[in-house]
Structures are given as C-alpha cells and as structure tokens.
Amino acid sequence: MLREFLRGAAQVHVLHHAAEGDVYGAWMAGELRRHGYEISPGTLYPMLHRMEETGLLVSRGEVAEGRTRRLYAATDAGRSQLALVRAAVAELADEVLPAGERPKRRRREPTRAEGGKA
C-alpha cells in the first residue's frame, strides 16, 4: 500500500513542479531525491512519458550545454488534475492525521503564469 501511495505522490510532485515552470528529468530526479524518493531513471522517464501520453504534461526539446534535453510543463488538464489532487490530499490529511500533527494550511502562491514569482 505504501509503495503505491509513494508512486502516486511522486507523480503529484512532478505535476506540481511542472505547473510552476518547465522541468527536466535530471532536475526532477534531484528534487524527488531531496524529498526522500529514490527513483531511478528507468522509473522516472517512463512516468514522465505516461503523464505526457495521458495529457497531464507536454514536452519540448531544448539544447543546453550542447545536449538536447526534454522539458516538461503541465497542461491545462494537468493543472486541473493537480487542483483535484490538492483538495483530496487536504481532505485525507484532515481525516487521517491527529489534530496536533496536521500541517497548517498555506495560502496557495500564484504560479508564474498567474504573475507569481518563479
């Protein structure tokens, strides 16, 4: 059960960051590692491709340091799904976490697209 939960949570992390701005695989792997996820390239890249195939992400190639890398951004459908997931996570936390352990609700910062900072 925990493994499935964490797999889904990794996708939420990807979608969250891709909604804030373009991400690429190596950066995303580092960000996930920073949050305690040990995810191999053999798991991460197929996940990114599946998320693109299902319409949550869109990608484009960019040359950086002489190499082409794939940048991913959230689609409108991806942002809509992220909003639904955020609501579900908030409800889940309210239900399963004891009152003293619930994180304080943060005010959502505007995304870059909404005029927020990067």
PDB file of N, CA and C in Angstrom:
ATOM      1  N   MET A   1       0.819  -1.186   0.000  1.00  0.00           N
ATOM      2  CA  MET A   1       0.000   0.000   0.000  1.00  0.00           C
ATOM      3  C   MET A   1       0.872   1.263   0.000  1.00  0.00           C
ATOM      4  N   LEU A   2       1.904   1.269   0.829  1.00  0.00           N
ATOM      5  CA  LEU A   2       2.787   2.431   0.905  1.00  0.00           C
ATOM      6  C   LEU A   2       3.482   2.664  -0.430  1.00  0.00           C
ATOM      7  N   ARG A   3       3.921   1.607  -1.070  1.00  0.00           N
ATOM      8  CA  ARG A   3       4.622   1.748  -2.349  1.00  0.00           C
ATOM      9  C   ARG A   3       3.734   2.420  -3.402  1.00  0.00           C
ATOM     10  N   GLU A   4       2.482   1.991  -3.474  1.00  0.00           N
ATOM     11  CA  GLU A   4       1.540   2.590  -4.425  1.00  0.00           C
ATOM     12  C   GLU A   4       1.279   4.059  -4.077  1.00  0.00           C
ATOM     13  N   PHE A   5       1.148   4.352  -2.798  1.00  0.00           N
ATOM     14  CA  PHE A   5       0.922   5.724  -2.357  1.00  0.00           C
ATOM     15  C   PHE A   5       2.095   6.613  -2.762  1.00  0.00           C
ATOM     16  N   LEU A   6       3.320   6.137  -2.518  1.00  0.00           N
ATOM     17  CA  LEU A   6       4.506   6.925  -2.851  1.00  0.00           C
ATOM     18  C   LEU A   6       4.670   7.093  -4.354  1.00  0.00           C
ATOM     19  N   ARG A   7       4.310   6.081  -5.121  1.00  0.00           N
ATOM     20  CA  ARG A   7       4.378   6.210  -6.582  1.00  0.00           C
ATOM     21  C   ARG A   7       3.452   7.330  -7.043  1.00  0.00           C
ATOM     22  N   GLY A   8       2.251   7.359  -6.501  1.00  0.00           N
ATOM     23  CA  GLY A   8       1.320   8.435  -6.840  1.00  0.00           C
ATOM     24  C   GLY A   8       1.803   9.786  -6.348  1.00  0.00           C
ATOM     25  N   ALA A   9       2.397   9.805  -5.161  1.00  0.00           N
ATOM     26  CA  ALA A   9       2.904  11.061  -4.603  1.00  0.00           C
ATOM     27  C   ALA A   9       4.034  11.610  -5.464  1.00  0.00           C
ATOM     28  N   ALA A  10       4.872  10.753  -6.024  1.00  0.00           N
ATOM     29  CA  ALA A  10       5.952  11.209  -6.908  1.00  0.00           C
ATOM     30  C   ALA A  10       5.355  11.884  -8.134  1.00  0.00           C
ATOM     31  N   GLN A  11       4.277  11.335  -8.663  1.00  0.00           N
ATOM     32  CA  GLN A  11       3.614  11.953  -9.812  1.00  0.00           C
ATOM     33  C   GLN A  11       3.037  13.314  -9.443  1.00  0.00           C
ATOM     34  N   VAL A  12       2.524  13.428  -8.236  1.00  0.00           N
ATOM     35  CA  VAL A  12       1.991  14.715  -7.776  1.00  0.00           C
ATOM     36  C   VAL A  12       3.119  15.728  -7.683  1.00  0.00           C
ATOM     37  N   HIS A  13       4.287  15.321  -7.172  1.00  0.00           N
ATOM     38  CA  HIS A  13       5.447  16.224  -7.117  1.00  0.00           C
ATOM     39  C   HIS A  13       5.807  16.698  -8.512  1.00  0.00           C
ATOM     40  N   VAL A  14       5.866  15.776  -9.459  1.00  0.00           N
ATOM     41  CA  VAL A  14       6.201  16.138 -10.838  1.00  0.00           C
ATOM     42  C   VAL A  14       5.188  17.147 -11.365  1.00  0.00           C
ATOM     43  N   LEU A  15       3.914  16.856 -11.205  1.00  0.00           N
ATOM     44  CA  LEU A  15       2.872  17.730 -11.716  1.00  0.00           C
ATOM     45  C   LEU A  15       2.926  19.105 -11.051  1.00  0.00           C
ATOM     46  N   HIS A  16       3.173  19.126  -9.754  1.00  0.00           N
ATOM     47  CA  HIS A  16       3.289  20.392  -9.020  1.00  0.00           C
ATOM     48  C   HIS A  16       4.399  21.267  -9.610  1.00  0.00           C
ATOM     49  N   HIS A  17       5.576  20.685  -9.776  1.00  0.00           N
ATOM     50  CA  HIS A  17       6.704  21.470 -10.293  1.00  0.00           C
ATOM     51  C   HIS A  17       6.510  21.838 -11.756  1.00  0.00           C
ATOM     52  N   ALA A  18       5.924  20.938 -12.543  1.00  0.00           N
ATOM     53  CA  ALA A  18       5.680  21.220 -13.956  1.00  0.00           C
ATOM     54  C   ALA A  18       4.612  22.302 -14.123  1.00  0.00           C
ATOM     55  N   ALA A  19       3.750  22.473 -13.137  1.00  0.00           N
ATOM     56  CA  ALA A  19       2.763  23.554 -13.166  1.00  0.00           C
ATOM     57  C   ALA A  19       3.413  24.893 -12.827  1.00  0.00           C
ATOM     58  N   GLU A  20       4.510  24.852 -12.085  1.00  0.00           N
ATOM     59  CA  GLU A  20       5.220  26.082 -11.725  1.00  0.00           C
ATOM     60  C   GLU A  20       6.118  26.575 -12.849  1.00  0.00           C
ATOM     61  N   GLY A  21       6.614  25.648 -13.663  1.00  0.00           N
ATOM     62  CA  GLY A  21       7.509  26.001 -14.758  1.00  0.00           C
ATOM     63  C   GLY A  21       8.091  24.741 -15.367  1.00  0.00           C
ATOM     64  N   ASP A  22       8.851  24.910 -16.431  1.00  0.00           N
ATOM     65  CA  ASP A  22       9.433  23.758 -17.114  1.00  0.00           C
ATOM     66  C   ASP A  22      10.367  22.976 -16.194  1.00  0.00           C
ATOM     67  N   VAL A  23      10.294  21.655 -16.294  1.00  0.00           N
ATOM     68  CA  VAL A  23      11.193  20.769 -15.553  1.00  0.00           C
ATOM     69  C   VAL A  23      11.800  19.782 -16.545  1.00  0.00           C
ATOM     70  N   TYR A  24      12.936  19.221 -16.182  1.00  0.00           N
ATOM     71  CA  TYR A  24      13.539  18.165 -16.990  1.00  0.00           C
ATOM     72  C   TYR A  24      13.933  17.026 -16.072  1.00  0.00           C
ATOM     73  N   GLY A  25      14.132  15.862 -16.662  1.00  0.00           N
ATOM     74  CA  GLY A  25      14.292  14.632 -15.901  1.00  0.00           C
ATOM     75  C   GLY A  25      15.354  14.673 -14.819  1.00  0.00           C
ATOM     76  N   ALA A  26      16.567  15.095 -15.161  1.00  0.00           N
ATOM     77  CA  ALA A  26      17.649  15.079 -14.170  1.00  0.00           C
ATOM     78  C   ALA A  26      17.336  16.016 -13.003  1.00  0.00           C
ATOM     79  N   TRP A  27      16.778  17.189 -13.294  1.00  0.00           N
ATOM     80  CA  TRP A  27      16.413  18.107 -12.215  1.00  0.00           C
ATOM     81  C   TRP A  27      15.320  17.494 -11.355  1.00  0.00           C
ATOM     82  N   MET A  28      14.328  16.907 -12.018  1.00  0.00           N
ATOM     83  CA  MET A  28      13.209  16.315 -11.284  1.00  0.00           C
ATOM     84  C   MET A  28      13.687  15.171 -10.407  1.00  0.00           C
ATOM     85  N   ALA A  29      14.625  14.368 -10.908  1.00  0.00           N
ATOM     86  CA  ALA A  29      15.173  13.268 -10.104  1.00  0.00           C
ATOM     87  C   ALA A  29      15.827  13.813  -8.835  1.00  0.00           C
ATOM     88  N   GLY A  30      16.569  14.897  -8.966  1.00  0.00           N
ATOM     89  CA  GLY A  30      17.199  15.521  -7.799  1.00  0.00           C
ATOM     90  C   GLY A  30      16.180  16.079  -6.822  1.00  0.00           C
ATOM     91  N   GLU A  31      15.149  16.703  -7.350  1.00  0.00           N
ATOM     92  CA  GLU A  31      14.094  17.266  -6.498  1.00  0.00           C
ATOM     93  C   GLU A  31      13.367  16.155  -5.745  1.00  0.00           C
ATOM     94  N   LEU A  32      13.057  15.073  -6.436  1.00  0.00           N
ATOM     95  CA  LEU A  32      12.404  13.943  -5.777  1.00  0.00           C
ATOM     96  C   LEU A  32      13.318  13.347  -4.706  1.00  0.00           C
ATOM     97  N   ARG A  33      14.604  13.238  -5.010  1.00  0.00           N
ATOM     98  CA  ARG A  33      15.572  12.711  -4.036  1.00  0.00           C
ATOM     99  C   ARG A  33      15.605  13.602  -2.798  1.00  0.00           C
ATOM    100  N   ARG A  34      15.536  14.920  -3.016  1.00  0.00           N
ATOM    101  CA  ARG A  34      15.540  15.879  -1.896  1.00  0.00           C
ATOM    102  C   ARG A  34      14.355  15.641  -0.970  1.00  0.00           C
ATOM    103  N   HIS A  35      13.274  15.114  -1.515  1.00  0.00           N
ATOM    104  CA  HIS A  35      12.077  14.821  -0.719  1.00  0.00           C
ATOM    105  C   HIS A  35      12.040  13.376  -0.239  1.00  0.00           C
ATOM    106  N   GLY A  36      13.128  12.642  -0.439  1.00  0.00           N
ATOM    107  CA  GLY A  36      13.211  11.290   0.093  1.00  0.00           C
ATOM    108  C   GLY A  36      12.803  10.184  -0.853  1.00  0.00           C
ATOM    109  N   TYR A  37      12.511  10.517  -2.093  1.00  0.00           N
ATOM    110  CA  TYR A  37      12.149   9.492  -3.073  1.00  0.00           C
ATOM    111  C   TYR A  37      13.410   9.013  -3.778  1.00  0.00           C
ATOM    112  N   GLU A  38      13.640   7.730  -3.745  1.00  0.00           N
ATOM    113  CA  GLU A  38      14.746   7.144  -4.508  1.00  0.00           C
ATOM    114  C   GLU A  38      14.139   6.567  -5.769  1.00  0.00           C
ATOM    115  N   ILE A  39      14.235   7.296  -6.842  1.00  0.00           N
ATOM    116  CA  ILE A  39      13.596   6.905  -8.090  1.00  0.00           C
ATOM    117  C   ILE A  39      14.659   6.834  -9.181  1.00  0.00           C
ATOM    118  N   SER A  40      14.726   5.715  -9.848  1.00  0.00           N
ATOM    119  CA  SER A  40      15.738   5.507 -10.879  1.00  0.00           C
ATOM    120  C   SER A  40      15.285   6.145 -12.187  1.00  0.00           C
ATOM    121  N   PRO A  41      16.239   6.446 -13.075  1.00  0.00           N
ATOM    122  CA  PRO A  41      15.861   6.944 -14.398  1.00  0.00           C
ATOM    123  C   PRO A  41      14.930   5.975 -15.125  1.00  0.00           C
ATOM    124  N   GLY A  42      15.097   4.684 -14.893  1.00  0.00           N
ATOM    125  CA  GLY A  42      14.256   3.676 -15.522  1.00  0.00           C
ATOM    126  C   GLY A  42      12.822   3.704 -15.026  1.00  0.00           C
ATOM    127  N   THR A  43      12.578   4.387 -13.929  1.00  0.00           N
ATOM    128  CA  THR A  43      11.223   4.587 -13.411  1.00  0.00           C
ATOM    129  C   THR A  43      10.725   5.991 -13.743  1.00  0.00           C
ATOM    130  N   LEU A  44      11.606   6.977 -13.593  1.00  0.00           N
ATOM    131  CA  LEU A  44      11.204   8.374 -13.786  1.00  0.00           C
ATOM    132  C   LEU A  44      10.803   8.670 -15.228  1.00  0.00           C
ATOM    133  N   TYR A  45      11.645   8.308 -16.182  1.00  0.00           N
ATOM    134  CA  TYR A  45      11.355   8.691 -17.562  1.00  0.00           C
ATOM    135  C   TYR A  45      10.098   8.020 -18.116  1.00  0.00           C
ATOM    136  N   PRO A  46       9.872   6.738 -17.857  1.00  0.00           N
ATOM    137  CA  PRO A  46       8.585   6.175 -18.287  1.00  0.00           C
ATOM    138  C   PRO A  46       7.387   6.868 -17.613  1.00  0.00           C
ATOM    139  N   MET A  47       7.551   7.291 -16.357  1.00  0.00           N
ATOM    140  CA  MET A  47       6.477   8.005 -15.670  1.00  0.00           C
ATOM    141  C   MET A  47       6.203   9.331 -16.378  1.00  0.00           C
ATOM    142  N   LEU A  48       7.254  10.066 -16.728  1.00  0.00           N
ATOM    143  CA  LEU A  48       7.081  11.325 -17.446  1.00  0.00           C
ATOM    144  C   LEU A  48       6.384  11.091 -18.786  1.00  0.00           C
ATOM    145  N   HIS A  49       6.806  10.048 -19.494  1.00  0.00           N
ATOM    146  CA  HIS A  49       6.194   9.739 -20.793  1.00  0.00           C
ATOM    147  C   HIS A  49       4.722   9.373 -20.638  1.00  0.00           C
ATOM    148  N   ARG A  50       4.388   8.583 -19.611  1.00  0.00           N
ATOM    149  CA  ARG A  50       2.981   8.217 -19.371  1.00  0.00           C
ATOM    150  C   ARG A  50       2.146   9.459 -19.041  1.00  0.00           C
ATOM    151  N   MET A  51       2.718  10.340 -18.249  1.00  0.00           N
ATOM    152  CA  MET A  51       1.993  11.556 -17.886  1.00  0.00           C
ATOM    153  C   MET A  51       1.775  12.434 -19.122  1.00  0.00           C
ATOM    154  N   GLU A  52       2.713  12.395 -20.052  1.00  0.00           N
ATOM    155  CA  GLU A  52       2.530  13.128 -21.301  1.00  0.00           C
ATOM    156  C   GLU A  52       1.473  12.437 -22.167  1.00  0.00           C
ATOM    157  N   GLU A  53       1.545  11.134 -22.259  1.00  0.00           N
ATOM    158  CA  GLU A  53       0.573  10.382 -23.068  1.00  0.00           C
ATOM    159  C   GLU A  53      -0.852  10.566 -22.563  1.00  0.00           C
ATOM    160  N   THR A  54      -1.013  10.723 -21.264  1.00  0.00           N
ATOM    161  CA  THR A  54      -2.361  10.898 -20.707  1.00  0.00           C
ATOM    162  C   THR A  54      -2.802  12.360 -20.698  1.00  0.00           C
ATOM    163  N   GLY A  55      -1.963  13.257 -21.207  1.00  0.00           N
ATOM    164  CA  GLY A  55      -2.350  14.654 -21.348  1.00  0.00           C
ATOM    165  C   GLY A  55      -2.104  15.541 -20.150  1.00  0.00           C
ATOM    166  N   LEU A  56      -1.376  15.046 -19.152  1.00  0.00           N
ATOM    167  CA  LEU A  56      -1.076  15.865 -17.975  1.00  0.00           C
ATOM    168  C   LEU A  56       0.111  16.785 -18.208  1.00  0.00           C
ATOM    169  N   LEU A  57       1.049  16.338 -19.038  1.00  0.00           N
ATOM    170  CA  LEU A  57       2.254  17.089 -19.357  1.00  0.00           C
ATOM    171  C   LEU A  57       2.376  17.240 -20.862  1.00  0.00           C
ATOM    172  N   VAL A  58       3.125  18.238 -21.271  1.00  0.00           N
ATOM    173  CA  VAL A  58       3.529  18.417 -22.658  1.00  0.00           C
ATOM    174  C   VAL A  58       5.042  18.633 -22.625  1.00  0.00           C
ATOM    175  N   SER A  59       5.746  18.170 -23.654  1.00  0.00           N
ATOM    176  CA  SER A  59       7.204  18.314 -23.639  1.00  0.00           C
ATOM    177  C   SER A  59       7.695  18.953 -24.927  1.00  0.00           C
ATOM    178  N   ARG A  60       8.911  19.465 -24.834  1.00  0.00           N
ATOM    179  CA  ARG A  60       9.612  20.015 -25.992  1.00  0.00           C
ATOM    180  C   ARG A  60      11.097  19.833 -25.766  1.00  0.00           C
ATOM    181  N   GLY A  61      11.833  19.751 -26.853  1.00  0.00           N
ATOM    182  CA  GLY A  61      13.285  19.616 -26.745  1.00  0.00           C
ATOM    183  C   GLY A  61      13.945  20.978 -26.654  1.00  0.00           C
ATOM    184  N   GLU A  62      15.058  21.026 -25.928  1.00  0.00           N
ATOM    185  CA  GLU A  62      15.847  22.253 -25.806  1.00  0.00           C
ATOM    186  C   GLU A  62      17.308  21.863 -25.737  1.00  0.00           C
ATOM    187  N   VAL A  63      18.164  22.615 -26.404  1.00  0.00           N
ATOM    188  CA  VAL A  63      19.597  22.344 -26.351  1.00  0.00           C
ATOM    189  C   VAL A  63      20.182  23.135 -25.192  1.00  0.00           C
ATOM    190  N   ALA A  64      20.865  22.440 -24.299  1.00  0.00           N
ATOM    191  CA  ALA A  64      21.522  23.053 -23.145  1.00  0.00           C
ATOM    192  C   ALA A  64      22.874  22.388 -22.975  1.00  0.00           C
ATOM    193  N   GLU A  65      23.907  23.193 -22.901  1.00  0.00           N
ATOM    194  CA  GLU A  65      25.269  22.681 -22.741  1.00  0.00           C
ATOM    195  C   GLU A  65      25.610  21.661 -23.822  1.00  0.00           C
ATOM    196  N   GLY A  66      25.169  21.951 -25.044  1.00  0.00           N
ATOM    197  CA  GLY A  66      25.478  21.085 -26.173  1.00  0.00           C
ATOM    198  C   GLY A  66      24.674  19.798 -26.251  1.00  0.00           C
ATOM    199  N   ARG A  67      23.742  19.615 -25.353  1.00  0.00           N
ATOM    200  CA  ARG A  67      22.925  18.394 -25.342  1.00  0.00           C
ATOM    201  C   ARG A  67      21.453  18.777 -25.420  1.00  0.00           C
ATOM    202  N   THR A  68      20.693  17.930 -26.059  1.00  0.00           N
ATOM    203  CA  THR A  68      19.253  18.157 -26.106  1.00  0.00           C
ATOM    204  C   THR A  68      18.619  17.511 -24.883  1.00  0.00           C
ATOM    205  N   ARG A  69      17.820  18.291 -24.200  1.00  0.00           N
ATOM    206  CA  ARG A  69      17.074  17.714 -23.078  1.00  0.00           C
ATOM    207  C   ARG A  69      15.602  18.017 -23.285  1.00  0.00           C
ATOM    208  N   ARG A  70      14.791  17.204 -22.705  1.00  0.00           N
ATOM    209  CA  ARG A  70      13.348  17.307 -22.839  1.00  0.00           C
ATOM    210  C   ARG A  70      12.809  18.087 -21.653  1.00  0.00           C
ATOM    211  N   LEU A  71      12.097  19.172 -21.926  1.00  0.00           N
ATOM    212  CA  LEU A  71      11.466  19.975 -20.892  1.00  0.00           C
ATOM    213  C   LEU A  71       9.987  19.622 -20.843  1.00  0.00           C
ATOM    214  N   TYR A  72       9.474  19.504 -19.644  1.00  0.00           N
ATOM    215  CA  TYR A  72       8.075  19.140 -19.436  1.00  0.00           C
ATOM    216  C   TYR A  72       7.363  20.280 -18.719  1.00  0.00           C
ATOM    217  N   ALA A  73       6.132  20.530 -19.141  1.00  0.00           N
ATOM    218  CA  ALA A  73       5.290  21.534 -18.498  1.00  0.00           C
ATOM    219  C   ALA A  73       3.894  20.931 -18.329  1.00  0.00           C
ATOM    220  N   ALA A  74       3.192  21.386 -17.325  1.00  0.00           N
ATOM    221  CA  ALA A  74       1.822  20.917 -17.095  1.00  0.00           C
ATOM    222  C   ALA A  74       0.895  21.512 -18.143  1.00  0.00           C
ATOM    223  N   THR A  75      -0.044  20.713 -18.584  1.00  0.00           N
ATOM    224  CA  THR A  75      -1.089  21.183 -19.479  1.00  0.00           C
ATOM    225  C   THR A  75      -2.230  21.750 -18.636  1.00  0.00           C
ATOM    226  N   ASP A  76      -3.214  22.327 -19.294  1.00  0.00           N
ATOM    227  CA  ASP A  76      -4.411  22.780 -18.561  1.00  0.00           C
ATOM    228  C   ASP A  76      -5.066  21.599 -17.849  1.00  0.00           C
ATOM    229  N   ALA A  77      -5.098  20.448 -18.531  1.00  0.00           N
ATOM    230  CA  ALA A  77      -5.674  19.241 -17.910  1.00  0.00           C
ATOM    231  C   ALA A  77      -4.840  18.823 -16.697  1.00  0.00           C
ATOM    232  N   GLY A  78      -3.528  18.957 -16.797  1.00  0.00           N
ATOM    233  CA  GLY A  78      -2.653  18.628 -15.678  1.00  0.00           C
ATOM    234  C   GLY A  78      -2.883  19.552 -14.498  1.00  0.00           C
ATOM    235  N   ARG A  79      -3.059  20.835 -14.772  1.00  0.00           N
ATOM    236  CA  ARG A  79      -3.341  21.795 -13.694  1.00  0.00           C
ATOM    237  C   ARG A  79      -4.692  21.494 -13.032  1.00  0.00           C
ATOM    238  N   SER A  80      -5.666  21.109 -13.847  1.00  0.00           N
ATOM    239  CA  SER A  80      -6.982  20.748 -13.294  1.00  0.00           C
ATOM    240  C   SER A  80      -6.878  19.531 -12.397  1.00  0.00           C
ATOM    241  N   GLN A  81      -6.128  18.518 -12.844  1.00  0.00           N
ATOM    242  CA  GLN A  81      -5.931  17.323 -12.025  1.00  0.00           C
ATOM    243  C   GLN A  81      -5.189  17.660 -10.745  1.00  0.00           C
ATOM    244  N   LEU A  82      -4.199  18.545 -10.839  1.00  0.00           N
ATOM    245  CA  LEU A  82      -3.443  18.947  -9.656  1.00  0.00           C
ATOM    246  C   LEU A  82      -4.358  19.616  -8.636  1.00  0.00           C
ATOM    247  N   ALA A  83      -5.277  20.450  -9.085  1.00  0.00           N
ATOM    248  CA  ALA A  83      -6.223  21.087  -8.167  1.00  0.00           C
ATOM    249  C   ALA A  83      -7.082  20.041  -7.461  1.00  0.00           C
ATOM    250  N   LEU A  84      -7.520  19.040  -8.199  1.00  0.00           N
ATOM    251  CA  LEU A  84      -8.312  17.961  -7.592  1.00  0.00           C
ATOM    252  C   LEU A  84      -7.489  17.168  -6.581  1.00  0.00           C
ATOM    253  N   VAL A  85      -6.234  16.895  -6.925  1.00  0.00           N
ATOM    254  CA  VAL A  85      -5.361  16.141  -6.021  1.00  0.00           C
ATOM    255  C   VAL A  85      -5.091  16.940  -4.756  1.00  0.00           C
ATOM    256  N   ARG A  86      -4.856  18.236  -4.904  1.00  0.00           N
ATOM    257  CA  ARG A  86      -4.609  19.074  -3.721  1.00  0.00           C
ATOM    258  C   ARG A  86      -5.799  19.018  -2.767  1.00  0.00           C
ATOM    259  N   ALA A  87      -7.006  19.093  -3.306  1.00  0.00           N
ATOM    260  CA  ALA A  87      -8.204  19.014  -2.461  1.00  0.00           C
ATOM    261  C   ALA A  87      -8.301  17.654  -1.785  1.00  0.00           C
ATOM    262  N   ALA A  88      -7.995  16.590  -2.520  1.00  0.00           N
ATOM    263  CA  ALA A  88      -8.056  15.237  -1.955  1.00  0.00           C
ATOM    264  C   ALA A  88      -6.993  15.056  -0.870  1.00  0.00           C
ATOM    265  N   VAL A  89      -5.813  15.601  -1.078  1.00  0.00           N
ATOM    266  CA  VAL A  89      -4.745  15.495  -0.080  1.00  0.00           C
ATOM    267  C   VAL A  89      -5.134  16.248   1.185  1.00  0.00           C
ATOM    268  N   ALA A  90      -5.698  17.428   1.020  1.00  0.00           N
ATOM    269  CA  ALA A  90      -6.130  18.203   2.196  1.00  0.00           C
ATOM    270  C   ALA A  90      -7.193  17.442   2.982  1.00  0.00           C
ATOM    271  N   GLU A  91      -8.140  16.853   2.282  1.00  0.00           N
ATOM    272  CA  GLU A  91      -9.188  16.081   2.949  1.00  0.00           C
ATOM    273  C   GLU A  91      -8.608  14.855   3.652  1.00  0.00           C
ATOM    274  N   LEU A  92      -7.694  14.173   2.978  1.00  0.00           N
ATOM    275  CA  LEU A  92      -7.056  12.992   3.561  1.00  0.00           C
ATOM    276  C   LEU A  92      -6.282  13.369   4.826  1.00  0.00           C
ATOM    277  N   ALA A  93      -5.510  14.458   4.753  1.00  0.00           N
ATOM    278  CA  ALA A  93      -4.748  14.896   5.928  1.00  0.00           C
ATOM    279  C   ALA A  93      -5.676  15.234   7.086  1.00  0.00           C
ATOM    280  N   ASP A  94      -6.779  15.916   6.790  1.00  0.00           N
ATOM    281  CA  ASP A  94      -7.738  16.250   7.845  1.00  0.00           C
ATOM    282  C   ASP A  94      -8.333  15.000   8.474  1.00  0.00           C
ATOM    283  N   GLU A  95      -8.488  13.958   7.683  1.00  0.00           N
ATOM    284  CA  GLU A  95      -9.113  12.729   8.164  1.00  0.00           C
ATOM    285  C   GLU A  95      -8.135  11.839   8.940  1.00  0.00           C
ATOM    286  N   VAL A  96      -6.931  11.646   8.424  1.00  0.00           N
ATOM    287  CA  VAL A  96      -6.057  10.621   8.998  1.00  0.00           C
ATOM    288  C   VAL A  96      -5.010  11.150   9.970  1.00  0.00           C
ATOM    289  N   LEU A  97      -4.701  12.434   9.943  1.00  0.00           N
ATOM    290  CA  LEU A  97      -3.694  12.961  10.859  1.00  0.00           C
ATOM    291  C   LEU A  97      -4.356  13.485  12.126  1.00  0.00           C
ATOM    292  N   PRO A  98      -3.786  13.146  13.281  1.00  0.00           N
ATOM    293  CA  PRO A  98      -4.300  13.729  14.527  1.00  0.00           C
ATOM    294  C   PRO A  98      -4.195  15.254  14.455  1.00  0.00           C
ATOM    295  N   ALA A  99      -5.098  15.938  15.122  1.00  0.00           N
ATOM    296  CA  ALA A  99      -5.184  17.404  15.043  1.00  0.00           C
ATOM    297  C   ALA A  99      -3.836  18.088  15.283  1.00  0.00           C
ATOM    298  N   GLY A 100      -3.070  17.625  16.230  1.00  0.00           N
ATOM    299  CA  GLY A 100      -1.783  18.263  16.534  1.00  0.00           C
ATOM    300  C   GLY A 100      -0.712  18.019  15.486  1.00  0.00           C
ATOM    301  N   GLU A 101      -0.926  17.072  14.593  1.00  0.00           N
ATOM    302  CA  GLU A 101       0.067  16.752  13.569  1.00  0.00           C
ATOM    303  C   GLU A 101      -0.307  17.284  12.186  1.00  0.00           C
ATOM    304  N   ARG A 102      -1.450  17.915  12.067  1.00  0.00           N
ATOM    305  CA  ARG A 102      -1.880  18.418  10.760  1.00  0.00           C
ATOM    306  C   ARG A 102      -1.056  19.641  10.389  1.00  0.00           C
ATOM    307  N   PRO A 103      -0.570  19.675   9.158  1.00  0.00           N
ATOM    308  CA  PRO A 103       0.162  20.875   8.743  1.00  0.00           C
ATOM    309  C   PRO A 103      -0.789  22.046   8.618  1.00  0.00           C
ATOM    310  N   LYS A 104      -0.271  23.224   8.920  1.00  0.00           N
ATOM    311  CA  LYS A 104      -1.096  24.408   8.755  1.00  0.00           C
ATOM    312  C   LYS A 104      -1.310  24.621   7.270  1.00  0.00           C
ATOM    313  N   ARG A 105      -2.493  24.996   6.922  1.00  0.00           N
ATOM    314  CA  ARG A 105      -2.804  25.254   5.506  1.00  0.00           C
ATOM    315  C   ARG A 105      -2.069  26.514   5.071  1.00  0.00           C
ATOM    316  N   ARG A 106      -1.340  26.374   3.984  1.00  0.00           N
ATOM    317  CA  ARG A 106      -0.648  27.528   3.415  1.00  0.00           C
ATOM    318  C   ARG A 106      -1.548  28.165   2.371  1.00  0.00           C
ATOM    319  N   ARG A 107      -1.401  29.443   2.286  1.00  0.00           N
ATOM    320  CA  ARG A 107      -2.094  30.140   1.205  1.00  0.00           C
ATOM    321  C   ARG A 107      -1.370  29.787  -0.081  1.00  0.00           C
ATOM    322  N   ARG A 108      -2.112  29.390  -1.102  1.00  0.00           N
ATOM    323  CA  ARG A 108      -1.510  28.998  -2.368  1.00  0.00           C
ATOM    324  C   ARG A 108      -0.875  30.206  -3.025  1.00  0.00           C
ATOM    325  N   GLU A 109       0.401  30.062  -3.394  1.00  0.00           N
ATOM    326  CA  GLU A 109       1.109  31.118  -4.098  1.00  0.00           C
ATOM    327  C   GLU A 109       0.705  31.089  -5.562  1.00  0.00           C
ATOM    328  N   PRO A 110       0.586  32.267  -6.195  1.00  0.00           N
ATOM    329  CA  PRO A 110       0.264  32.267  -7.615  1.00  0.00           C
ATOM    330  C   PRO A 110       1.402  31.647  -8.425  1.00  0.00           C
ATOM    331  N   THR A 111       1.059  30.946  -9.478  1.00  0.00           N
ATOM    332  CA  THR A 111       2.062  30.361 -10.356  1.00  0.00           C
ATOM    333  C   THR A 111       2.691  31.451 -11.201  1.00  0.00           C
ATOM    334  N   ARG A 112       3.783  31.103 -11.899  1.00  0.00           N
ATOM    335  CA  ARG A 112       4.397  32.062 -12.817  1.00  0.00           C
ATOM    336  C   ARG A 112       3.374  32.556 -13.828  1.00  0.00           C
ATOM    337  N   ALA A 113       2.563  31.654 -14.344  1.00  0.00           N
ATOM    338  CA  ALA A 113       1.572  32.019 -15.348  1.00  0.00           C
ATOM    339  C   ALA A 113       0.546  32.999 -14.790  1.00  0.00           C
ATOM    340  N   GLU A 114       0.328  32.970 -13.482  1.00  0.00           N
ATOM    341  CA  GLU A 114      -0.632  33.856 -12.843  1.00  0.00           C
ATOM    342  C   GLU A 114       0.037  35.140 -12.334  1.00  0.00           C
ATOM    343  N   GLY A 115       1.317  35.324 -12.658  1.00  0.00           N
ATOM    344  CA  GLY A 115       2.024  36.524 -12.235  1.00  0.00           C
ATOM    345  C   GLY A 115       2.812  36.369 -10.959  1.00  0.00           C
ATOM    346  N   GLY A 116       2.960  35.133 -10.470  1.00  0.00           N
ATOM    347  CA  GLY A 116       3.752  34.887  -9.266  1.00  0.00           C
ATOM    348  C   GLY A 116       5.223  34.782  -9.590  1.00  0.00           C
ATOM    349  N   LYS A 117       6.047  34.647  -8.580  1.00  0.00           N
ATOM    350  CA  LYS A 117       7.491  34.532  -8.803  1.00  0.00           C
ATOM    351  C   LYS A 117       7.862  33.092  -9.092  1.00  0.00           C
ATOM    352  N   ALA A 118       9.020  32.914  -9.651  1.00  0.00           N
ATOM    353  CA  ALA A 118       9.489  31.574 -10.039  1.00  0.00           C
ATOM    354  C   ALA A 118       9.880  30.756  -8.862  1.00  0.00           C
TER     355      ALA A 118
END
